[in-house]
C-alpha atoms as a PDB file:
ATOM      1  CA  MET A   1      29.718 -84.852  -5.475  1.00  0.00           C
ATOM      2  CA  ALA A   2      32.105 -84.845  -7.842  1.00  0.00           C
ATOM      3  CA  GLU A   3      31.565 -82.336 -10.708  1.00  0.00           C
ATOM      4  CA  PRO A   4      30.246 -84.140 -13.950  1.00  0.00           C
ATOM      5  CA  GLU A   5      32.483 -84.136 -16.655  1.00  0.00           C
ATOM      6  CA  ARG A   6      30.549 -82.030 -19.048  1.00  0.00           C
ATOM      7  CA  ARG A   7      31.343 -79.516 -21.493  1.00  0.00           C
ATOM      8  CA  GLY A   8      29.309 -76.212 -22.386  1.00  0.00           C
ATOM      9  CA  TRP A   9      26.925 -76.190 -19.875  1.00  0.00           C
ATOM     10  CA  THR A  10      23.782 -73.945 -19.879  1.00  0.00           C
ATOM     11  CA  LEU A  11      22.778 -71.587 -17.468  1.00  0.00           C
ATOM     12  CA  GLU A  12      19.867 -73.541 -16.287  1.00  0.00           C
ATOM     13  CA  GLU A  13      21.964 -76.795 -16.062  1.00  0.00           C
ATOM     14  CA  PHE A  14      24.688 -74.854 -14.109  1.00  0.00           C
ATOM     15  CA  PHE A  15      22.065 -73.469 -11.732  1.00  0.00           C
ATOM     16  CA  ALA A  16      20.227 -76.627 -11.205  1.00  0.00           C
ATOM     17  CA  TRP A  17      23.464 -78.426 -10.366  1.00  0.00           C
ATOM     18  CA  GLN A  18      24.741 -75.596  -8.110  1.00  0.00           C
ATOM     19  CA  GLU A  19      21.611 -76.013  -6.142  1.00  0.00           C
ATOM     20  CA  LYS A  20      22.913 -79.349  -4.714  1.00  0.00           C
ATOM     21  CA  GLN A  21      26.116 -78.256  -3.864  1.00  0.00           C
ATOM     22  CA  PRO A  22      27.681 -77.320  -0.675  1.00  0.00           C
ATOM     23  CA  ASP A  23      30.022 -74.829  -2.000  1.00  0.00           C
ATOM     24  CA  ARG A  24      29.532 -71.632  -4.365  1.00  0.00           C
ATOM     25  CA  TYR A  25      30.521 -71.885  -7.937  1.00  0.00           C
ATOM     26  CA  GLU A  26      30.845 -69.514 -11.016  1.00  0.00           C
ATOM     27  CA  LEU A  27      30.246 -70.612 -14.640  1.00  0.00           C
ATOM     28  CA  VAL A  28      33.441 -69.927 -16.614  1.00  0.00           C
ATOM     29  CA  ASP A  29      33.665 -70.994 -20.372  1.00  0.00           C
ATOM     30  CA  GLY A  30      31.034 -73.279 -20.119  1.00  0.00           C
ATOM     31  CA  ARG A  31      32.562 -75.185 -16.931  1.00  0.00           C
ATOM     32  CA  PRO A  32      31.713 -74.820 -13.262  1.00  0.00           C
ATOM     33  CA  LEU A  33      34.634 -73.206 -11.270  1.00  0.00           C
ATOM     34  CA  LYS A  34      34.658 -73.285  -7.473  1.00  0.00           C
ATOM     35  CA  MET A  35      35.087 -70.271  -5.381  1.00  0.00           C
ATOM     36  CA  MET A  36      37.705 -69.574  -3.024  1.00  0.00           C
ATOM     37  CA  ALA A  37      36.477 -70.429   0.726  1.00  0.00           C
ATOM     38  CA  GLY A  38      37.747 -69.528   4.155  1.00  0.00           C
ATOM     39  CA  ALA A  39      37.853 -65.674   3.614  1.00  0.00           C
ATOM     40  CA  LYS A  40      39.239 -64.088   6.747  1.00  0.00           C
ATOM     41  CA  ASN A  41      36.907 -62.045   8.964  1.00  0.00           C
ATOM     42  CA  VAL A  42      37.890 -58.720   7.573  1.00  0.00           C
ATOM     43  CA  HIS A  43      36.887 -59.742   4.394  1.00  0.00           C
ATOM     44  CA  ASP A  44      33.239 -60.158   5.896  1.00  0.00           C
ATOM     45  CA  ASP A  45      33.099 -57.355   7.888  1.00  0.00           C
ATOM     46  CA  ILE A  46      33.493 -55.107   4.881  1.00  0.00           C
ATOM     47  CA  VAL A  47      31.167 -57.108   2.931  1.00  0.00           C
ATOM     48  CA  VAL A  48      28.629 -56.667   5.930  1.00  0.00           C
ATOM     49  CA  ASN A  49      29.506 -52.726   6.183  1.00  0.00           C
ATOM     50  CA  LEU A  50      29.017 -52.563   2.458  1.00  0.00           C
ATOM     51  CA  VAL A  51      25.918 -54.256   2.121  1.00  0.00           C
ATOM     52  CA  GLY A  52      24.626 -51.923   5.167  1.00  0.00           C
ATOM     53  CA  GLU A  53      25.310 -48.798   3.883  1.00  0.00           C
ATOM     54  CA  LEU A  54      24.124 -49.766   0.157  1.00  0.00           C
ATOM     55  CA  ARG A  55      20.743 -51.139   1.581  1.00  0.00           C
ATOM     56  CA  THR A  56      20.431 -47.503   3.573  1.00  0.00           C
ATOM     57  CA  GLN A  57      21.302 -45.571   0.705  1.00  0.00           C
ATOM     58  CA  VAL A  58      19.329 -47.111  -2.023  1.00  0.00           C
ATOM     59  CA  ARG A  59      16.166 -47.859   0.116  1.00  0.00           C
ATOM     60  CA  GLY A  60      12.851 -46.456  -2.027  1.00  0.00           C
ATOM     61  CA  SER A  61      14.846 -46.075  -5.210  1.00  0.00           C
ATOM     62  CA  GLY A  62      13.945 -49.775  -6.807  1.00  0.00           C
ATOM     63  CA  CYS A  63      17.620 -50.854  -6.461  1.00  0.00           C
ATOM     64  CA  ARG A  64      18.504 -53.586  -3.792  1.00  0.00           C
ATOM     65  CA  PRO A  65      22.292 -54.645  -2.810  1.00  0.00           C
ATOM     66  CA  PHE A  66      22.821 -58.533  -3.084  1.00  0.00           C
ATOM     67  CA  THR A  67      26.101 -60.621  -2.083  1.00  0.00           C
ATOM     68  CA  GLY A  68      28.236 -63.136  -3.583  1.00  0.00           C
ATOM     69  CA  ASP A  69      25.095 -65.658  -3.026  1.00  0.00           C
ATOM     70  CA  GLY A  70      23.703 -63.555  -6.189  1.00  0.00           C
ATOM     71  CA  SER A  71      25.149 -63.677  -9.668  1.00  0.00           C
ATOM     72  CA  VAL A  72      26.010 -61.487 -12.939  1.00  0.00           C
ATOM     73  CA  GLU A  73      25.923 -62.675 -16.320  1.00  0.00           C
ATOM     74  CA  THR A  74      29.138 -61.195 -17.612  1.00  0.00           C
ATOM     75  CA  ARG A  75      28.505 -62.352 -21.396  1.00  0.00           C
ATOM     76  CA  PRO A  76      26.404 -65.099 -22.637  1.00  0.00           C
ATOM     77  CA  GLY A  77      26.517 -68.360 -20.324  1.00  0.00           C
ATOM     78  CA  GLN A  78      29.518 -66.812 -18.180  1.00  0.00           C
ATOM     79  CA  ILE A  79      28.461 -66.339 -14.414  1.00  0.00           C
ATOM     80  CA  ARG A  80      30.549 -64.363 -12.058  1.00  0.00           C
ATOM     81  CA  ARG A  81      29.523 -63.582  -8.172  1.00  0.00           C
ATOM     82  CA  PRO A  82      31.072 -60.366  -6.833  1.00  0.00           C
ATOM     83  CA  ASP A  83      31.236 -59.849  -3.143  1.00  0.00           C
ATOM     84  CA  VAL A  84      28.672 -57.130  -3.246  1.00  0.00           C
ATOM     85  CA  GLY A  85      26.366 -55.809  -5.819  1.00  0.00           C
ATOM     86  CA  VAL A  86      23.572 -53.352  -6.414  1.00  0.00           C
ATOM     87  CA  ASP A  87      20.744 -54.780  -8.727  1.00  0.00           C
ATOM     88  CA  CYS A  88      18.144 -52.080 -10.352  1.00  0.00           C
ATOM     89  CA  GLY A  89      16.094 -54.516 -12.056  1.00  0.00           C
ATOM     90  CA  PRO A  90      12.684 -55.928 -11.579  1.00  0.00           C
ATOM     91  CA  ARG A  91      12.825 -58.386  -8.506  1.00  0.00           C
ATOM     92  CA  ASP A  92      11.781 -61.958  -9.420  1.00  0.00           C
ATOM     93  CA  PRO A  93      12.280 -63.961  -5.972  1.00  0.00           C
ATOM     94  CA  ASN A  94      12.772 -67.134  -8.156  1.00  0.00           C
ATOM     95  CA  ALA A  95      15.886 -65.580 -10.646  1.00  0.00           C
ATOM     96  CA  THR A  96      19.412 -66.931 -10.226  1.00  0.00           C
ATOM     97  CA  THR A  97      21.238 -63.609 -11.855  1.00  0.00           C
ATOM     98  CA  SER A  98      20.936 -59.900 -11.157  1.00  0.00           C
ATOM     99  CA  ALA A  99      18.269 -58.457 -13.584  1.00  0.00           C
ATOM    100  CA  LEU A 100      20.281 -55.169 -13.962  1.00  0.00           C
ATOM    101  CA  PRO A 101      23.500 -54.798 -12.061  1.00  0.00           C
ATOM    102  CA  ARG A 102      24.599 -51.380 -11.761  1.00  0.00           C
ATOM    103  CA  VAL A 103      27.392 -51.913  -9.343  1.00  0.00           C
ATOM    104  CA  VAL A 104      29.869 -54.443  -8.436  1.00  0.00           C
ATOM    105  CA  ILE A 105      32.370 -54.860  -5.596  1.00  0.00           C
ATOM    106  CA  GLU A 106      35.206 -57.141  -4.952  1.00  0.00           C
ATOM    107  CA  VAL A 107      37.242 -57.087  -1.898  1.00  0.00           C
ATOM    108  CA  LEU A 108      40.585 -58.287  -2.779  1.00  0.00           C
ATOM    109  CA  SER A 109      42.372 -61.107  -1.106  1.00  0.00           C
ATOM    110  CA  PRO A 110      46.013 -62.594  -1.707  1.00  0.00           C
ATOM    111  CA  SER A 111      44.834 -65.546  -3.445  1.00  0.00           C
ATOM    112  CA  THR A 112      42.350 -63.930  -5.968  1.00  0.00           C
ATOM    113  CA  ARG A 113      43.887 -59.911  -6.232  1.00  0.00           C
ATOM    114  CA  ASP A 114      45.289 -60.522  -9.608  1.00  0.00           C
ATOM    115  CA  PHE A 115      42.331 -62.336 -10.820  1.00  0.00           C
ATOM    116  CA  ASP A 116      39.948 -60.006  -9.713  1.00  0.00           C
ATOM    117  CA  SER A 117      41.936 -56.782 -10.677  1.00  0.00           C
ATOM    118  CA  PHE A 118      42.525 -57.900 -14.462  1.00  0.00           C
ATOM    119  CA  LYS A 119      40.225 -60.774 -15.684  1.00  0.00           C
ATOM    120  CA  LYS A 120      37.183 -60.431 -13.450  1.00  0.00           C
ATOM    121  CA  LEU A 121      37.382 -56.038 -14.046  1.00  0.00           C
ATOM    122  CA  GLU A 122      37.559 -56.463 -17.867  1.00  0.00           C
ATOM    123  CA  GLU A 123      34.267 -58.949 -17.669  1.00  0.00           C
ATOM    124  CA  TYR A 124      32.495 -56.419 -15.906  1.00  0.00           C
ATOM    125  CA  LYS A 125      33.282 -53.514 -17.883  1.00  0.00           C
ATOM    126  CA  GLY A 126      31.921 -55.423 -20.812  1.00  0.00           C
ATOM    127  CA  VAL A 127      28.396 -55.579 -19.088  1.00  0.00           C
ATOM    128  CA  ALA A 128      26.527 -52.636 -20.402  1.00  0.00           C
ATOM    129  CA  SER A 129      24.307 -51.962 -17.353  1.00  0.00           C
ATOM    130  CA  ILE A 130      27.286 -51.720 -14.756  1.00  0.00           C
ATOM    131  CA  ASP A 131      28.151 -47.958 -14.088  1.00  0.00           C
ATOM    132  CA  TYR A 132      30.562 -48.588 -11.120  1.00  0.00           C
ATOM    133  CA  ILE A 133      33.083 -51.022 -10.213  1.00  0.00           C
ATOM    134  CA  LEU A 134      34.926 -51.223  -6.777  1.00  0.00           C
ATOM    135  CA  LEU A 135      38.183 -53.244  -5.555  1.00  0.00           C
ATOM    136  CA  VAL A 136      38.476 -52.834  -2.189  1.00  0.00           C
ATOM    137  CA  GLU A 137      41.755 -53.132  -0.410  1.00  0.00           C
ATOM    138  CA  PRO A 138      41.165 -54.924   2.926  1.00  0.00           C
ATOM    139  CA  ASN A 139      44.833 -54.201   4.374  1.00  0.00           C
ATOM    140  CA  GLU A 140      44.176 -50.307   4.146  1.00  0.00           C
ATOM    141  CA  ALA A 141      41.785 -47.551   3.419  1.00  0.00           C
ATOM    142  CA  LEU A 142      42.206 -47.764  -0.384  1.00  0.00           C
ATOM    143  CA  VAL A 143      39.764 -48.388  -3.048  1.00  0.00           C
ATOM    144  CA  SER A 144      40.361 -48.406  -6.784  1.00  0.00           C
ATOM    145  CA  ALA A 145      36.828 -46.806  -8.096  1.00  0.00           C
ATOM    146  CA  TRP A 146      36.118 -47.320 -11.912  1.00  0.00           C
ATOM    147  CA  SER A 147      33.029 -45.407 -13.336  1.00  0.00           C
ATOM    148  CA  ARG A 148      31.671 -45.253 -16.691  1.00  0.00           C
ATOM    149  CA  ASP A 149      31.274 -41.917 -18.238  1.00  0.00           C
ATOM    150  CA  ASP A 150      28.177 -40.561 -20.499  1.00  0.00           C
ATOM    151  CA  ASN A 151      30.300 -41.777 -23.220  1.00  0.00           C
ATOM    152  CA  GLY A 152      30.950 -45.246 -22.166  1.00  0.00           C
ATOM    153  CA  GLN A 153      34.714 -44.783 -21.391  1.00  0.00           C
ATOM    154  CA  TRP A 154      35.893 -46.158 -17.862  1.00  0.00           C
ATOM    155  CA  MET A 155      37.824 -43.840 -15.585  1.00  0.00           C
ATOM    156  CA  GLU A 156      39.774 -45.354 -12.480  1.00  0.00           C
ATOM    157  CA  GLN A 157      40.210 -43.199  -9.307  1.00  0.00           C
ATOM    158  CA  ARG A 158      42.053 -44.236  -6.344  1.00  0.00           C
ATOM    159  CA  ILE A 159      40.281 -43.373  -3.050  1.00  0.00           C
ATOM    160  CA  ARG A 160      42.605 -43.327  -0.122  1.00  0.00           C
ATOM    161  CA  GLY A 161      41.883 -42.302   3.497  1.00  0.00           C
ATOM    162  CA  LEU A 162      38.799 -43.216   6.333  1.00  0.00           C
ATOM    163  CA  ASP A 163      37.893 -39.490   5.545  1.00  0.00           C
ATOM    164  CA  ALA A 164      37.626 -39.808   1.554  1.00  0.00           C
ATOM    165  CA  MET A 165      34.230 -40.550  -0.024  1.00  0.00           C
ATOM    166  CA  ILE A 166      33.045 -42.475  -2.896  1.00  0.00           C
ATOM    167  CA  ASP A 167      30.728 -40.911  -4.958  1.00  0.00           C
ATOM    168  CA  MET A 168      28.441 -42.675  -7.513  1.00  0.00           C
ATOM    169  CA  PRO A 169      26.030 -39.909  -8.532  1.00  0.00           C
ATOM    170  CA  LYS A 170      24.146 -42.048 -11.222  1.00  0.00           C
ATOM    171  CA  LEU A 171      22.531 -43.968  -8.216  1.00  0.00           C
ATOM    172  CA  ASN A 172      22.837 -41.079  -5.816  1.00  0.00           C
ATOM    173  CA  ILE A 173      25.358 -43.215  -3.724  1.00  0.00           C
ATOM    174  CA  ALA A 174      28.107 -41.720  -1.682  1.00  0.00           C
ATOM    175  CA  LEU A 175      29.841 -44.177   0.230  1.00  0.00           C
ATOM    176  CA  ARG A 176      31.991 -42.973   3.135  1.00  0.00           C
ATOM    177  CA  MET A 177      35.523 -45.006   3.686  1.00  0.00           C
ATOM    178  CA  ASP A 178      35.298 -45.093   7.031  1.00  0.00           C
ATOM    179  CA  ALA A 179      32.028 -46.549   7.153  1.00  0.00           C
ATOM    180  CA  ILE A 180      33.372 -49.237   4.548  1.00  0.00           C
ATOM    181  CA  PHE A 181      35.996 -50.032   6.969  1.00  0.00           C
ATOM    182  CA  GLU A 182      34.409 -49.693  10.341  1.00  0.00           C
ATOM    183  CA  GLY A 183      35.841 -52.058  12.769  1.00  0.00           C
ATOM    184  CA  VAL A 184      38.477 -53.181  10.437  1.00  0.00           C
ATOM    185  CA  ARG A 185      42.152 -52.947  12.141  1.00  0.00           C
ATOM    186  CA  PHE A 186      44.623 -52.581   9.614  1.00  0.00           C
ATOM    187  CA  PRO A 187      48.012 -54.394   9.774  1.00  0.00           C
ATOM    188  CA  VAL A 188      50.879 -52.573  10.860  1.00  0.00           C
ATOM    189  CA  MET A 189      53.232 -51.878   7.979  1.00  0.00           C
ATOM    190  CA  PRO A 190      56.931 -52.346   8.572  1.00  0.00           C
ATOM    191  CA  ARG A 191      58.896 -49.196   8.697  1.00  0.00           C
ATOM    192  CA  LEU A 192      61.277 -48.763   5.901  1.00  0.00           C
ATOM    193  CA  VAL A 193      62.875 -45.282   7.508  1.00  0.00           C
ATOM    194  CA  PRO A 194      64.507 -45.607  11.089  1.00  0.00           C
ATOM    195  CA  ASN A 195      62.977 -43.264  13.605  1.00  0.00           C
ATOM    196  CA  ASP A 196      65.576 -40.458  15.102  1.00  0.00           C
ATOM    197  CA  ASP A 197      66.464 -42.698  18.033  1.00  0.00           C
ATOM    198  CA  GLU A 198      67.381 -45.452  15.884  1.00  0.00           C
ATOM    199  CA  SER A 199      69.316 -43.401  13.462  1.00  0.00           C
ATOM    200  CA  ARG A 200      71.573 -42.029  16.579  1.00  0.00           C
ATOM    201  CA  PHE A 201      72.141 -45.676  17.645  1.00  0.00           C
ATOM    202  CA  THR A 202      75.730 -46.966  17.151  1.00  0.00           C
ATOM    203  CA  PRO A 203      76.512 -50.488  18.103  1.00  0.00           C
END
């Protein structure tokens, strides 16, 4: 079904239309924007790992993780779908948006890296309830972790290595990097410096 030629959709119009579509969309500047399809297995593996870890750690707290089928209203009439999030608001089974998003996570990909890292990041920072934003690099054990301090200022920390930890003390969450990347095989990076045997070789 082709997208209707309309401007300035309301949330009600958007979600009523989205229910009839086979693909997922975001609502951007009043228009539906189709999300990229065909994510690699590594993307899905990381998402599954994150949901599992978060579900265990927030159980009993009144918070719950959600996936890309959920959504966050980043500003009035603007809908984004992070790969993973944590909602700490009242649970309405018929709701279409997160009631009180506290954490949003994007797993980066080549096609969305710049968009997620800049435009979406700034939108998420503008949501008053969000305290933590994670941008996960799928090709190495690296996470850009943004946190909002008590004065409302955002700070970035780059977490690297499988033995590291991502602390989110406002929600009593501590994510182990080796749990986030469990089962993930990173691509072999090209060597920029020859090893000793190669350096002694003379053609």
